[in-house]
N, C-alpha and C. Protein backbone atom coordinates (compact mmCIF):
# COMPACT_ATOMS: atom_id res chain seq x y z
N UNK A 1 0.84 -1.19 0.00
CA UNK A 1 0.00 0.00 0.00
C UNK A 1 0.88 1.25 0.00
N UNK A 2 1.93 1.23 0.82
CA UNK A 2 2.80 2.39 0.87
C UNK A 2 3.46 2.64 -0.48
N UNK A 3 3.81 1.58 -1.19
CA UNK A 3 4.39 1.74 -2.52
C UNK A 3 3.40 2.41 -3.47
N UNK A 4 2.13 2.05 -3.36
CA UNK A 4 1.11 2.66 -4.21
C UNK A 4 0.96 4.15 -3.91
N UNK A 5 1.13 4.53 -2.64
CA UNK A 5 1.10 5.95 -2.28
C UNK A 5 2.36 6.63 -2.83
N UNK A 6 3.51 5.99 -2.61
CA UNK A 6 4.78 6.57 -3.08
C UNK A 6 4.78 6.78 -4.59
N UNK A 7 4.11 5.88 -5.31
CA UNK A 7 4.06 5.98 -6.78
C UNK A 7 2.96 6.92 -7.27
N UNK A 8 2.17 7.48 -6.34
CA UNK A 8 1.11 8.41 -6.71
C UNK A 8 -0.16 7.76 -7.21
N UNK A 9 -0.26 6.44 -7.06
CA UNK A 9 -1.48 5.75 -7.50
C UNK A 9 -2.60 5.99 -6.49
N UNK A 10 -2.25 5.93 -5.21
CA UNK A 10 -3.18 6.29 -4.13
C UNK A 10 -2.72 7.61 -3.53
N UNK A 11 -3.66 8.44 -3.10
CA UNK A 11 -3.25 9.63 -2.38
C UNK A 11 -3.04 9.25 -0.90
N UNK A 12 -2.53 10.16 -0.13
CA UNK A 12 -2.22 9.86 1.26
C UNK A 12 -3.42 9.40 2.07
N UNK A 13 -4.55 10.02 1.86
CA UNK A 13 -5.76 9.64 2.59
C UNK A 13 -6.23 8.24 2.24
N UNK A 14 -6.18 7.91 0.97
CA UNK A 14 -6.59 6.58 0.53
C UNK A 14 -5.64 5.52 1.10
N UNK A 15 -4.35 5.80 1.00
CA UNK A 15 -3.37 4.86 1.54
C UNK A 15 -3.52 4.70 3.04
N UNK A 16 -3.73 5.81 3.73
CA UNK A 16 -3.90 5.74 5.18
C UNK A 16 -5.12 4.93 5.56
N UNK A 17 -6.22 5.12 4.84
CA UNK A 17 -7.44 4.37 5.14
C UNK A 17 -7.21 2.86 5.03
N UNK A 18 -6.43 2.46 4.03
CA UNK A 18 -6.13 1.03 3.87
C UNK A 18 -5.15 0.55 4.93
N UNK A 19 -4.13 1.36 5.21
CA UNK A 19 -3.12 0.96 6.20
C UNK A 19 -3.72 0.83 7.59
N UNK A 20 -4.66 1.67 7.93
CA UNK A 20 -5.31 1.57 9.24
C UNK A 20 -5.96 0.20 9.40
N UNK A 21 -6.62 -0.26 8.37
CA UNK A 21 -7.28 -1.57 8.43
C UNK A 21 -6.26 -2.70 8.57
N UNK A 22 -5.15 -2.60 7.85
CA UNK A 22 -4.11 -3.62 7.96
C UNK A 22 -3.46 -3.59 9.34
N UNK A 23 -3.23 -2.38 9.86
CA UNK A 23 -2.65 -2.25 11.21
C UNK A 23 -3.59 -2.83 12.26
N UNK A 24 -4.89 -2.58 12.11
CA UNK A 24 -5.87 -3.14 13.04
C UNK A 24 -5.83 -4.67 12.99
N UNK A 25 -5.78 -5.22 11.80
CA UNK A 25 -5.73 -6.68 11.66
C UNK A 25 -4.50 -7.24 12.37
N UNK A 26 -3.36 -6.60 12.19
CA UNK A 26 -2.14 -7.06 12.83
C UNK A 26 -2.23 -6.98 14.34
N UNK A 27 -2.74 -5.89 14.86
CA UNK A 27 -2.88 -5.74 16.31
C UNK A 27 -3.81 -6.80 16.89
N UNK A 28 -4.90 -7.07 16.19
CA UNK A 28 -5.82 -8.11 16.65
C UNK A 28 -5.15 -9.49 16.63
N UNK A 29 -4.39 -9.76 15.58
CA UNK A 29 -3.68 -11.04 15.50
C UNK A 29 -2.70 -11.19 16.66
N UNK A 30 -1.98 -10.13 16.96
CA UNK A 30 -1.01 -10.17 18.05
C UNK A 30 -1.67 -10.45 19.40
N UNK A 31 -2.94 -10.06 19.53
CA UNK A 31 -3.68 -10.28 20.78
C UNK A 31 -4.49 -11.57 20.75
N UNK A 32 -4.40 -12.32 19.65
CA UNK A 32 -5.17 -13.56 19.53
C UNK A 32 -6.63 -13.34 19.25
N UNK A 33 -6.99 -12.17 18.79
CA UNK A 33 -8.38 -11.85 18.46
C UNK A 33 -8.58 -12.08 16.96
N UNK A 34 -8.74 -13.35 16.62
CA UNK A 34 -8.74 -13.75 15.22
C UNK A 34 -9.97 -13.29 14.45
N UNK A 35 -11.14 -13.35 15.07
CA UNK A 35 -12.35 -12.91 14.38
C UNK A 35 -12.27 -11.42 14.04
N UNK A 36 -11.75 -10.63 14.98
CA UNK A 36 -11.61 -9.20 14.73
C UNK A 36 -10.57 -8.93 13.64
N UNK A 37 -9.51 -9.72 13.61
CA UNK A 37 -8.50 -9.57 12.56
C UNK A 37 -9.11 -9.86 11.20
N UNK A 38 -9.90 -10.91 11.13
CA UNK A 38 -10.57 -11.26 9.88
C UNK A 38 -11.52 -10.15 9.46
N UNK A 39 -12.25 -9.58 10.41
CA UNK A 39 -13.16 -8.48 10.10
C UNK A 39 -12.41 -7.28 9.53
N UNK A 40 -11.26 -6.96 10.12
CA UNK A 40 -10.45 -5.84 9.62
C UNK A 40 -9.96 -6.12 8.20
N UNK A 41 -9.58 -7.37 7.93
CA UNK A 41 -9.13 -7.73 6.59
C UNK A 41 -10.28 -7.69 5.59
N UNK A 42 -11.47 -8.08 6.02
CA UNK A 42 -12.64 -7.97 5.14
C UNK A 42 -12.93 -6.50 4.82
N UNK A 43 -12.77 -5.62 5.81
CA UNK A 43 -12.96 -4.19 5.57
C UNK A 43 -11.94 -3.68 4.56
N UNK A 44 -10.70 -4.16 4.66
CA UNK A 44 -9.66 -3.82 3.70
C UNK A 44 -10.07 -4.27 2.29
N UNK A 45 -10.51 -5.53 2.19
CA UNK A 45 -10.93 -6.08 0.89
C UNK A 45 -12.07 -5.23 0.30
N UNK A 46 -13.04 -4.88 1.13
CA UNK A 46 -14.18 -4.10 0.65
C UNK A 46 -13.73 -2.73 0.13
N UNK A 47 -12.80 -2.09 0.85
CA UNK A 47 -12.35 -0.79 0.39
C UNK A 47 -11.53 -0.90 -0.88
N UNK A 48 -10.68 -1.90 -0.97
CA UNK A 48 -9.92 -2.10 -2.21
C UNK A 48 -10.88 -2.37 -3.37
N UNK A 49 -11.91 -3.16 -3.13
CA UNK A 49 -12.89 -3.44 -4.18
C UNK A 49 -13.57 -2.14 -4.63
N UNK A 50 -13.84 -1.24 -3.68
CA UNK A 50 -14.43 0.05 -4.04
C UNK A 50 -13.48 0.88 -4.91
N UNK A 51 -12.18 0.75 -4.67
CA UNK A 51 -11.18 1.49 -5.44
C UNK A 51 -10.90 0.86 -6.81
N UNK A 52 -11.28 -0.40 -6.99
CA UNK A 52 -10.94 -1.15 -8.20
C UNK A 52 -11.56 -0.51 -9.44
N UNK A 53 -10.70 -0.26 -10.42
CA UNK A 53 -11.17 0.28 -11.68
C UNK A 53 -11.34 1.79 -11.69
N UNK A 54 -11.27 2.41 -10.53
CA UNK A 54 -11.36 3.87 -10.47
C UNK A 54 -10.04 4.43 -9.95
N UNK A 55 -9.79 4.21 -8.68
CA UNK A 55 -8.56 4.69 -8.06
C UNK A 55 -7.40 3.75 -8.37
N UNK A 56 -7.67 2.46 -8.29
CA UNK A 56 -6.65 1.44 -8.53
C UNK A 56 -6.92 0.71 -9.85
N UNK A 57 -5.85 0.38 -10.58
CA UNK A 57 -6.06 -0.52 -11.72
C UNK A 57 -6.66 -1.85 -11.23
N UNK A 58 -7.52 -2.42 -12.02
CA UNK A 58 -8.20 -3.66 -11.63
C UNK A 58 -7.19 -4.74 -11.24
N UNK A 59 -6.11 -4.87 -11.99
CA UNK A 59 -5.12 -5.91 -11.71
C UNK A 59 -4.46 -5.70 -10.34
N UNK A 60 -4.19 -4.46 -10.01
CA UNK A 60 -3.58 -4.15 -8.71
C UNK A 60 -4.56 -4.44 -7.59
N UNK A 61 -5.80 -4.02 -7.76
CA UNK A 61 -6.82 -4.28 -6.76
C UNK A 61 -7.02 -5.78 -6.57
N UNK A 62 -7.08 -6.51 -7.66
CA UNK A 62 -7.26 -7.96 -7.58
C UNK A 62 -6.11 -8.62 -6.82
N UNK A 63 -4.89 -8.14 -7.05
CA UNK A 63 -3.73 -8.71 -6.36
C UNK A 63 -3.79 -8.43 -4.86
N UNK A 64 -4.17 -7.21 -4.48
CA UNK A 64 -4.30 -6.88 -3.06
C UNK A 64 -5.40 -7.71 -2.40
N UNK A 65 -6.51 -7.85 -3.09
CA UNK A 65 -7.62 -8.64 -2.56
C UNK A 65 -7.21 -10.10 -2.40
N UNK A 66 -6.52 -10.64 -3.38
CA UNK A 66 -6.08 -12.04 -3.31
C UNK A 66 -5.16 -12.26 -2.12
N UNK A 67 -4.25 -11.32 -1.87
CA UNK A 67 -3.34 -11.45 -0.73
C UNK A 67 -4.10 -11.42 0.58
N UNK A 68 -5.04 -10.49 0.71
CA UNK A 68 -5.83 -10.40 1.94
C UNK A 68 -6.68 -11.65 2.14
N UNK A 69 -7.26 -12.15 1.07
CA UNK A 69 -8.08 -13.36 1.18
C UNK A 69 -7.24 -14.57 1.55
N UNK A 70 -6.01 -14.62 1.07
CA UNK A 70 -5.12 -15.72 1.44
C UNK A 70 -4.79 -15.66 2.93
N UNK A 71 -4.59 -14.46 3.45
CA UNK A 71 -4.32 -14.32 4.89
C UNK A 71 -5.55 -14.73 5.69
N UNK A 72 -6.72 -14.29 5.25
CA UNK A 72 -7.96 -14.68 5.93
C UNK A 72 -8.09 -16.20 5.95
N UNK A 73 -7.83 -16.84 4.84
CA UNK A 73 -7.93 -18.31 4.75
C UNK A 73 -6.95 -18.98 5.72
N UNK A 74 -5.75 -18.43 5.83
CA UNK A 74 -4.77 -19.00 6.75
C UNK A 74 -5.21 -18.85 8.19
N UNK A 75 -5.76 -17.69 8.54
CA UNK A 75 -6.25 -17.49 9.91
C UNK A 75 -7.38 -18.46 10.20
N UNK A 76 -8.30 -18.59 9.26
CA UNK A 76 -9.43 -19.50 9.45
C UNK A 76 -8.94 -20.94 9.59
N UNK A 77 -7.96 -21.32 8.80
CA UNK A 77 -7.43 -22.69 8.88
C UNK A 77 -6.74 -22.91 10.23
N UNK A 78 -5.97 -21.95 10.69
CA UNK A 78 -5.26 -22.09 11.96
C UNK A 78 -6.18 -22.11 13.16
N UNK A 79 -7.32 -21.48 13.03
CA UNK A 79 -8.23 -21.38 14.18
C UNK A 79 -9.42 -22.32 14.09
N UNK A 80 -9.44 -23.15 13.07
CA UNK A 80 -10.55 -24.10 12.92
C UNK A 80 -10.51 -25.14 14.05
N UNK A 81 -11.68 -25.51 14.53
CA UNK A 81 -11.71 -26.52 15.62
C UNK A 81 -11.25 -27.90 15.16
C-alpha cells in the first residue's frame, strides 16, 4: 500500500485508510483476536474493491484482494476446531 502511495497511485488519505485496516488486523492477531483480525481484513478487501477500476487498476486491486483473502484463509485454517 505504501508503494502505491509513493508511486502516486493512491493519495495519502486513501493509503492511510487502507493501512489503518491492515494495522488493526495485525494488532488483533497479536492479541489472539482472530475474528476481529478477519473483520479488519474484510474491511480492507471491501475498500480495495471500491477502489478497483477507479482509483486502482483492476489488476492491482485484484492482487491486493487475493493477498488479503489468502491471509484470511490462513487465519481460518489455523483457528478451525
